[in-house]
Protein backbone atom coordinates (compact mmCIF):
# COMPACT_ATOMS: atom_id res chain seq x y z
CA MET A 1 -1.12 -8.50 22.51
CA LEU A 2 1.70 -6.77 20.69
CA ARG A 3 5.15 -6.50 22.14
CA LYS A 4 6.51 -3.04 22.80
CA GLY A 5 8.12 -1.61 19.66
CA SER A 6 6.19 -3.82 17.22
CA CYS A 7 3.94 -2.36 14.56
CA PHE A 8 1.57 -3.19 11.72
CA CYS A 9 2.12 -2.55 8.02
CA LEU A 10 -0.44 -0.55 6.04
CA PHE A 11 -0.70 -1.15 2.30
CA THR A 12 -2.75 1.47 0.39
CA ILE A 13 -3.67 2.37 -3.16
CA ILE A 14 -4.65 6.03 -3.58
CA ASP A 15 -6.07 7.56 -6.75
CA ILE A 16 -3.88 10.63 -7.35
CA TYR A 17 -6.65 12.59 -9.04
CA SER A 18 -9.49 12.18 -6.52
CA ARG A 19 -7.31 11.20 -3.49
CA TYR A 20 -9.76 8.29 -3.00
CA THR A 21 -8.31 5.29 -1.20
CA ALA A 22 -9.12 2.53 -3.66
CA GLY A 23 -7.76 -0.23 -1.46
CA TRP A 24 -6.05 -0.85 1.85
CA MET A 25 -4.77 -3.78 3.88
CA ILE A 26 -3.23 -3.99 7.33
CA ALA A 27 -0.81 -6.85 7.95
CA THR A 28 1.57 -7.96 10.67
CA SER A 29 4.47 -8.06 8.19
CA GLU A 30 5.47 -6.76 4.79
CA ASN A 31 6.44 -9.26 2.12
CA LYS A 32 6.09 -9.91 -1.60
CA GLU A 33 3.29 -12.48 -1.22
CA LEU A 34 1.13 -10.01 0.72
CA ALA A 35 1.90 -7.23 -1.76
CA GLU A 36 0.88 -9.48 -4.66
CA GLN A 37 -2.32 -10.56 -2.86
CA PHE A 38 -3.22 -6.97 -1.99
CA LEU A 39 -2.57 -5.55 -5.46
CA SER A 40 -4.32 -8.33 -7.38
CA SER A 41 -7.42 -8.27 -5.15
CA THR A 42 -7.68 -4.47 -5.27
CA ILE A 43 -7.21 -4.34 -9.05
CA ALA A 44 -9.85 -7.09 -9.48
CA LYS A 45 -12.44 -4.96 -7.63
CA TYR A 46 -12.43 -2.37 -10.42
CA VAL A 47 -13.16 -2.79 -14.12
CA ILE A 48 -9.88 -1.57 -15.57
CA GLU A 49 -8.75 -2.42 -19.06
CA GLN A 50 -5.19 -3.52 -19.67
CA GLY A 51 -2.87 -0.56 -20.19
CA GLN A 52 -5.16 1.84 -18.27
CA LEU A 53 -3.55 1.62 -14.83
CA THR A 54 -0.21 2.85 -13.54
CA ILE A 55 0.83 2.01 -9.99
CA HIS A 56 3.53 4.18 -8.45
CA SER A 57 5.25 2.80 -5.38
CA ASP A 58 8.31 3.13 -3.24
CA ARG A 59 11.27 0.85 -3.79
CA GLY A 60 10.45 -1.44 -0.88
CA SER A 61 11.45 -5.06 -1.49
CA PRO A 62 7.84 -6.34 -1.79
CA MET A 63 7.05 -3.80 -4.51
CA VAL A 64 10.12 -4.58 -6.62
CA ALA A 65 9.87 -8.37 -6.18
CA GLU A 66 9.83 -10.42 -9.38
CA ASN A 67 6.48 -12.09 -8.64
CA VAL A 68 4.79 -8.71 -8.06
CA ALA A 69 6.30 -7.30 -11.25
CA GLN A 70 5.17 -10.37 -13.22
CA MET A 71 1.64 -10.21 -11.78
CA MET A 72 1.32 -6.51 -12.70
CA SER A 73 2.65 -7.23 -16.19
CA ASN A 74 0.12 -10.05 -16.64
CA LEU A 75 -2.70 -7.65 -15.61
CA GLY A 76 -1.45 -4.95 -18.01
CA VAL A 77 -0.47 -2.60 -15.19
CA THR A 78 2.33 -0.12 -15.77
CA LYS A 79 4.62 0.19 -12.77
CA SER A 80 6.48 3.26 -11.62
CA HIS A 81 8.87 3.59 -8.68
CA SER A 82 10.14 6.47 -6.60
CA ARG A 83 13.72 7.59 -6.96
CA PRO A 84 16.04 5.87 -4.45
CA LYS A 85 15.90 7.42 -0.96
CA THR A 86 13.35 10.06 -2.05
CA SER A 87 10.15 9.80 -0.01
CA ASN A 88 8.53 12.91 -1.49
CA ASP A 89 8.14 11.26 -4.92
CA ASN A 90 4.82 9.92 -3.60
CA PRO A 91 3.42 12.94 -1.70
CA TYR A 92 -0.20 11.76 -1.53
CA SER A 93 0.69 8.53 0.26
CA GLU A 94 3.19 10.29 2.49
CA GLY A 95 0.56 12.91 3.36
CA GLN A 96 -1.99 10.21 4.17
CA TYR A 97 0.43 8.38 6.47
CA LYS A 98 1.35 11.64 8.23
CA THR A 99 -2.35 12.38 8.79
CA LEU A 100 -2.83 8.92 10.30
CA ASN A 101 0.16 9.40 12.60
CA TYR A 102 -0.77 12.87 13.85
CA ARG A 103 -4.57 12.76 14.20
CA HIS A 104 -5.41 13.54 17.82
CA ASP A 105 -8.60 11.45 17.75
CA PHE A 106 -6.83 8.44 16.24
CA PRO A 107 -6.36 5.52 18.66
CA ASP A 108 -3.06 5.59 20.49
CA ARG A 109 -2.36 1.85 20.25
CA PHE A 110 -3.89 -1.30 18.80
CA GLY A 111 -3.71 -4.51 20.80
CA ARG A 112 -4.27 -6.87 17.89
CA VAL A 113 -4.22 -6.69 14.10
CA GLU A 114 -8.00 -7.26 14.12
CA ASP A 115 -8.43 -4.07 16.21
CA ALA A 116 -6.38 -2.08 13.68
CA ARG A 117 -8.44 -3.45 10.79
CA GLY A 118 -11.65 -2.45 12.60
């Protein structure tokens, strides 16, 4: 059971043209190893040639970590980051998170990370 005030981290990749969620992962923490695992597994699911994919993200420490940058470079992924302290540079992700937070039929609380993933 979670302690009061604790939360889960949601990683998502959203196609900006179709608004399709190409990949998601819920974790109990946010770190560069999880970001690398999430990005590489999601990218591997789709047949994308090198130089065809751009990933735009916030400036969170996992997304600017050297190992994540190197992995994206090795896969031929162009990276793009939001301007510092500017959350509206990524409006589709921000809109998705707001929808998740304000849906009335969305569960109020999750007891375990497995419940949130379900």
